[in-house]
Amino acid sequence: MYSIQPDWTLSSDFYKKRIVNTMGIAHFYEFRITSLSETLLPSVPDDCVDLVFDLDHGNAIAAGTVFERGSTWMKAGNLCFGMRFLPGVKPVILNGNFKEYNYLQVDLTSCCNDSFLAEQISELSDFNERCNFFLDYYRQRMAGEENSLNCKEQIVSSVLKSISNKGGIVTIEDVVNETGYSARYIEKVFKTEMGLSPKKYSDILRFQGALDYIDKHPDQNICNVATDYGYYDQSAFVRVFKKNTGVTPAEYRKLIRQSDYQSRIRIM
């Protein structure tokens, strides 16, 4: 499952990553911001909620998805540890629902009833120890939660699954046929719970897929990437890409080549 923040990797000498895909957690990461051309670290749309811990200062945030290029609170010199949840998943330790975190970075102590979590994470000695601690902690918290979903949550879960199974390359008619709910009802419930339309969610997921593909295949023709990920034409893809990243696909491809992007990512 892709869900990447390229500026976070490009701002550091290394980006540790541990893929888990369990309990709604996509992966853990850790990096120190060593170079930053802007005041705050940029972020791109990803349909995800992150929990990010500043290990140098002992504080943490819950960061929701942005809908176009935005910025985080992280600054140069900070060592950051975090976990990215799968697209559409709101961590059970957070109050409220998914939409309450869209475009926001909320201090963890104000939205999680465990005021000592950031302190506990910061006191651990290395990346794997932090990952293992959180996995054990989160497993216990999930066991204490009510697992049954209400009607609206079941509908949203079905829609998320339908969209995610196709990587966002899907129409509302496809979702209607697969879930059995009407387009109008899906739109209403999804917006209420998620804070964005199914189409917007699909568009972000599709963009993330194209972004991940370019990262791994920088020599691929941009027109082919646009076609493969369901964009009407290359111009449409370029407009979306620049809105979300600040650069065109060609400029981005040049950047990751020059920075040796993939070598910075250390899979743990």
Protein backbone atom coordinates (compact mmCIF):
# COMPACT_ATOMS: atom_id res chain seq x y z
CA MET A 1 0.00 0.00 0.00
CA TYR A 2 1.55 3.27 -1.08
CA SER A 3 1.27 6.44 0.99
CA ILE A 4 4.38 8.55 0.69
CA GLN A 5 5.63 12.02 1.56
CA PRO A 6 8.57 12.62 -0.81
CA ASP A 7 9.64 15.93 0.74
CA TRP A 8 10.20 14.18 4.06
CA THR A 9 12.63 11.77 2.44
CA LEU A 10 14.31 14.47 0.34
CA SER A 11 14.86 16.66 3.42
CA SER A 12 16.91 13.98 5.19
CA ASP A 13 20.08 11.98 4.66
CA PHE A 14 18.15 8.81 5.48
CA TYR A 15 14.54 7.77 5.94
CA LYS A 16 14.11 4.58 7.96
CA LYS A 17 10.96 2.69 7.07
CA ARG A 18 9.37 -0.43 8.53
CA ILE A 19 6.36 -1.70 6.60
CA VAL A 20 3.80 -3.49 8.76
CA ASN A 21 0.31 -3.27 7.15
CA THR A 22 -1.37 -4.48 10.32
CA MET A 23 -4.01 -3.03 12.67
CA GLY A 24 -4.54 -0.25 10.13
CA ILE A 25 -0.90 0.87 10.34
CA ALA A 26 0.84 1.14 6.96
CA HIS A 27 4.40 1.72 8.14
CA PHE A 28 6.70 3.29 10.71
CA TYR A 29 9.36 5.83 9.79
CA GLU A 30 12.16 7.87 11.31
CA PHE A 31 14.25 10.67 9.85
CA ARG A 32 16.18 13.79 10.81
CA ILE A 33 15.55 16.91 8.79
CA THR A 34 18.98 18.00 7.56
CA SER A 35 18.05 20.27 4.66
CA LEU A 36 14.97 22.37 4.21
CA SER A 37 14.40 24.99 1.53
CA GLU A 38 11.18 26.23 3.13
CA THR A 39 10.36 27.38 6.66
CA LEU A 40 8.21 24.31 7.27
CA LEU A 41 8.41 20.83 5.78
CA PRO A 42 5.97 20.42 2.85
CA SER A 43 3.46 17.59 2.64
CA VAL A 44 1.32 16.18 -0.18
CA PRO A 45 -2.18 14.64 -0.18
CA ASP A 46 -2.19 10.99 0.94
CA ASP A 47 -5.62 10.21 2.51
CA CYS A 48 -3.76 9.22 5.71
CA VAL A 49 -3.50 10.18 9.36
CA ASP A 50 0.03 10.21 10.82
CA LEU A 51 1.18 10.25 14.41
CA VAL A 52 4.51 12.10 14.46
CA PHE A 53 6.82 12.30 17.48
CA ASP A 54 9.56 14.93 17.82
CA LEU A 55 12.16 12.84 19.66
CA ASP A 56 14.35 15.83 20.49
CA HIS A 57 11.60 17.79 22.22
CA GLY A 58 9.26 15.07 23.47
CA ASN A 59 6.11 16.37 21.82
CA ALA A 60 3.87 14.84 19.16
CA ILE A 61 1.06 15.59 16.73
CA ALA A 62 -1.73 13.82 14.93
CA ALA A 63 -1.56 15.01 11.32
CA GLY A 64 -4.46 14.53 8.93
CA THR A 65 -4.33 14.51 5.15
CA VAL A 66 -4.02 17.69 3.14
CA PHE A 67 -6.05 18.13 -0.05
CA GLU A 68 -3.26 19.97 -1.87
CA ARG A 69 0.34 20.81 -1.08
CA GLY A 70 0.63 21.95 2.55
CA SER A 71 3.16 22.17 5.38
CA THR A 72 3.87 20.38 8.64
CA TRP A 73 5.27 21.78 11.89
CA MET A 74 8.54 19.82 11.59
CA LYS A 75 11.67 21.94 11.30
CA ALA A 76 15.32 21.46 10.33
CA GLY A 77 17.37 19.56 12.90
CA ASN A 78 14.44 17.63 14.38
CA LEU A 79 14.61 13.84 14.68
CA CYS A 80 11.13 12.58 13.90
CA PHE A 81 9.59 9.17 14.50
CA GLY A 82 6.11 8.30 13.36
CA MET A 83 3.62 5.92 11.92
CA ARG A 84 1.37 6.39 8.90
CA PHE A 85 -2.01 4.71 9.05
CA LEU A 86 -3.57 3.18 5.97
CA PRO A 87 -5.63 5.51 3.77
CA GLY A 88 -8.99 6.29 5.35
CA VAL A 89 -8.09 4.85 8.78
CA LYS A 90 -8.52 6.96 11.91
CA PRO A 91 -6.35 5.59 14.77
CA VAL A 92 -8.47 4.21 17.61
CA ILE A 93 -6.48 6.20 20.17
CA LEU A 94 -7.66 9.50 18.67
CA ASN A 95 -10.89 11.25 19.57
CA GLY A 96 -13.49 12.13 16.94
CA ASN A 97 -13.60 10.87 13.38
CA PHE A 98 -11.33 11.04 10.34
CA LYS A 99 -12.59 14.38 9.03
CA GLU A 100 -11.68 16.21 12.24
CA TYR A 101 -7.99 15.85 11.34
CA ASN A 102 -8.15 16.84 7.67
CA TYR A 103 -5.61 19.57 6.94
CA LEU A 104 -4.81 19.85 10.66
CA GLN A 105 -1.89 19.01 12.92
CA VAL A 106 -3.29 18.52 16.39
CA ASP A 107 -1.19 18.28 19.53
CA LEU A 108 -1.45 14.65 20.58
CA THR A 109 -2.18 15.45 24.22
CA SER A 110 -5.35 17.29 23.18
CA CYS A 111 -6.83 14.51 21.02
CA CYS A 112 -5.57 11.32 22.72
CA ASN A 113 -6.41 10.35 26.30
CA ASP A 114 -2.88 9.00 26.90
CA SER A 115 -0.85 12.05 27.90
CA PHE A 116 2.32 10.02 28.47
CA LEU A 117 2.64 8.36 25.05
CA ALA A 118 4.98 10.98 23.55
CA GLU A 119 7.21 10.86 26.62
CA GLN A 120 7.36 7.05 26.55
CA ILE A 121 8.22 6.97 22.84
CA SER A 122 10.96 9.60 23.26
CA GLU A 123 12.65 7.67 26.06
CA LEU A 124 13.18 4.52 23.96
CA SER A 125 16.65 3.99 22.53
CA ASP A 126 16.25 3.03 18.87
CA PHE A 127 13.89 2.80 15.92
CA ASN A 128 12.92 -0.87 16.21
CA GLU A 129 12.33 -0.55 19.93
CA ARG A 130 9.98 2.35 19.29
CA CYS A 131 8.14 0.38 16.59
CA ASN A 132 7.74 -2.70 18.80
CA PHE A 133 6.59 -0.63 21.76
CA PHE A 134 3.89 1.09 19.71
CA LEU A 135 2.71 -2.17 18.14
CA ASP A 136 2.25 -3.74 21.58
CA TYR A 137 0.65 -0.58 22.94
CA TYR A 138 -1.73 -0.21 19.99
CA ARG A 139 -2.70 -3.89 20.03
CA GLN A 140 -3.79 -3.52 23.66
CA ARG A 141 -5.72 -0.34 22.89
CA MET A 142 -7.51 -1.98 19.96
CA ALA A 143 -8.47 -4.94 22.13
CA GLY A 144 -10.13 -2.54 24.53
CA GLU A 145 -12.21 -0.86 21.82
CA GLU A 146 -15.65 -1.92 20.68
CA ASN A 147 -15.06 -3.72 17.39
CA SER A 148 -18.60 -3.48 16.03
CA LEU A 149 -19.22 -0.69 13.53
CA ASN A 150 -22.39 1.33 13.36
CA CYS A 151 -24.36 1.52 10.12
CA LYS A 152 -22.63 4.62 8.76
CA GLU A 153 -19.19 3.27 9.62
CA GLN A 154 -20.01 0.03 7.81
CA ILE A 155 -21.00 1.99 4.71
CA VAL A 156 -17.81 4.06 4.80
CA SER A 157 -15.75 0.90 5.32
CA SER A 158 -17.37 -0.69 2.25
CA VAL A 159 -16.74 2.39 0.13
CA LEU A 160 -13.12 2.66 1.28
CA LYS A 161 -12.54 -0.98 0.42
CA SER A 162 -14.15 -0.61 -3.01
CA ILE A 163 -12.00 2.43 -3.86
CA SER A 164 -8.78 1.08 -2.35
CA ASN A 165 -9.05 -2.27 -4.14
CA LYS A 166 -8.77 -0.38 -7.43
CA GLY A 167 -6.13 2.08 -6.30
CA GLY A 168 -8.54 4.98 -6.74
CA ILE A 169 -9.05 4.28 -10.44
CA VAL A 170 -12.78 3.90 -10.02
CA THR A 171 -16.03 5.74 -10.75
CA ILE A 172 -18.91 6.37 -8.36
CA GLU A 173 -20.95 4.00 -10.55
CA ASP A 174 -18.42 1.26 -9.81
CA VAL A 175 -18.73 1.94 -6.08
CA VAL A 176 -22.54 1.91 -6.29
CA ASN A 177 -22.53 -1.43 -8.10
CA GLU A 178 -20.09 -2.98 -5.66
CA THR A 179 -21.60 -1.72 -2.40
CA GLY A 180 -25.29 -1.67 -3.30
CA TYR A 181 -25.87 1.82 -1.88
CA SER A 182 -27.15 4.74 -3.94
CA ALA A 183 -24.70 7.38 -5.18
CA ARG A 184 -26.48 10.12 -3.24
CA TYR A 185 -26.43 8.19 0.04
CA ILE A 186 -22.78 7.20 -0.39
CA GLU A 187 -21.83 10.82 -1.02
CA LYS A 188 -23.73 12.06 2.04
CA VAL A 189 -22.45 9.48 4.51
CA PHE A 190 -18.87 9.54 3.22
CA LYS A 191 -18.63 13.33 3.46
CA THR A 192 -20.12 13.28 6.96
CA GLU A 193 -17.59 10.75 8.26
CA MET A 194 -14.52 11.51 6.15
CA GLY A 195 -14.83 15.21 5.37
CA LEU A 196 -14.33 14.74 1.63
CA SER A 197 -16.22 13.21 -1.25
CA PRO A 198 -15.56 9.66 -2.52
CA LYS A 199 -14.26 11.23 -5.74
CA LYS A 200 -11.76 13.42 -3.88
CA TYR A 201 -10.63 10.43 -1.84
CA SER A 202 -10.21 8.40 -5.05
CA ASP A 203 -8.30 11.23 -6.75
CA ILE A 204 -5.79 11.41 -3.88
CA LEU A 205 -5.32 7.66 -3.82
CA ARG A 206 -4.77 7.63 -7.58
CA PHE A 207 -2.26 10.49 -7.34
CA GLN A 208 -0.37 8.62 -4.62
CA GLY A 209 -0.18 5.56 -6.86
CA ALA A 210 1.26 7.59 -9.73
CA LEU A 211 3.71 9.34 -7.39
CA ASP A 212 4.93 6.03 -5.99
CA TYR A 213 5.33 4.63 -9.50
CA ILE A 214 7.46 7.57 -10.64
CA ASP A 215 9.61 7.20 -7.53
CA LYS A 216 10.37 3.61 -8.45
CA HIS A 217 10.43 4.04 -12.26
CA PRO A 218 11.83 7.54 -12.95
CA ASP A 219 12.63 6.63 -16.56
CA GLN A 220 9.03 5.80 -17.41
CA ASN A 221 7.30 8.05 -19.95
CA ILE A 222 5.05 10.56 -18.17
CA CYS A 223 2.29 10.16 -20.72
CA ASN A 224 2.22 6.41 -20.05
CA VAL A 225 2.03 7.02 -16.29
CA ALA A 226 -0.92 9.39 -16.81
CA THR A 227 -2.74 6.81 -18.92
CA ASP A 228 -2.02 3.91 -16.57
CA TYR A 229 -3.42 5.83 -13.61
CA GLY A 230 -6.64 6.86 -15.32
CA TYR A 231 -5.99 10.51 -16.12
CA TYR A 232 -7.81 11.94 -19.13
CA ASP A 233 -4.57 13.09 -20.73
CA GLN A 234 -1.04 14.15 -19.84
CA SER A 235 -2.08 17.80 -19.35
CA ALA A 236 -4.64 16.82 -16.72
CA PHE A 237 -2.06 14.72 -14.91
CA VAL A 238 0.50 17.56 -14.95
CA ARG A 239 -2.04 20.01 -13.48
CA VAL A 240 -2.95 17.66 -10.62
CA PHE A 241 0.66 16.74 -9.96
CA LYS A 242 1.86 20.34 -9.78
CA LYS A 243 -1.03 21.35 -7.53
CA ASN A 244 -0.15 18.55 -5.12
CA THR A 245 3.66 18.73 -5.19
CA GLY A 246 4.57 22.22 -6.39
CA VAL A 247 6.46 20.85 -9.41
CA THR A 248 5.63 19.14 -12.70
CA PRO A 249 6.14 15.36 -13.09
CA ALA A 250 9.21 16.02 -15.28
CA GLU A 251 10.70 18.38 -12.67
CA TYR A 252 9.96 15.88 -9.92
CA ARG A 253 11.53 13.04 -11.87
CA LYS A 254 14.69 15.12 -12.36
CA LEU A 255 14.77 15.96 -8.66
CA ILE A 256 14.59 12.37 -7.45
CA ARG A 257 17.24 11.31 -9.94
CA GLN A 258 19.62 14.04 -8.80
CA SER A 259 19.00 13.34 -5.12
CA ASP A 260 19.35 9.55 -5.47
CA TYR A 261 15.96 9.32 -3.78
CA GLN A 262 15.62 5.56 -3.39
CA SER A 263 19.00 5.18 -1.69
CA ARG A 264 17.85 7.43 1.15
CA ILE A 265 15.07 4.99 2.09
CA ARG A 266 16.27 2.26 4.43
CA ILE A 267 13.80 -0.58 4.80
CA MET A 268 14.20 -1.98 8.30
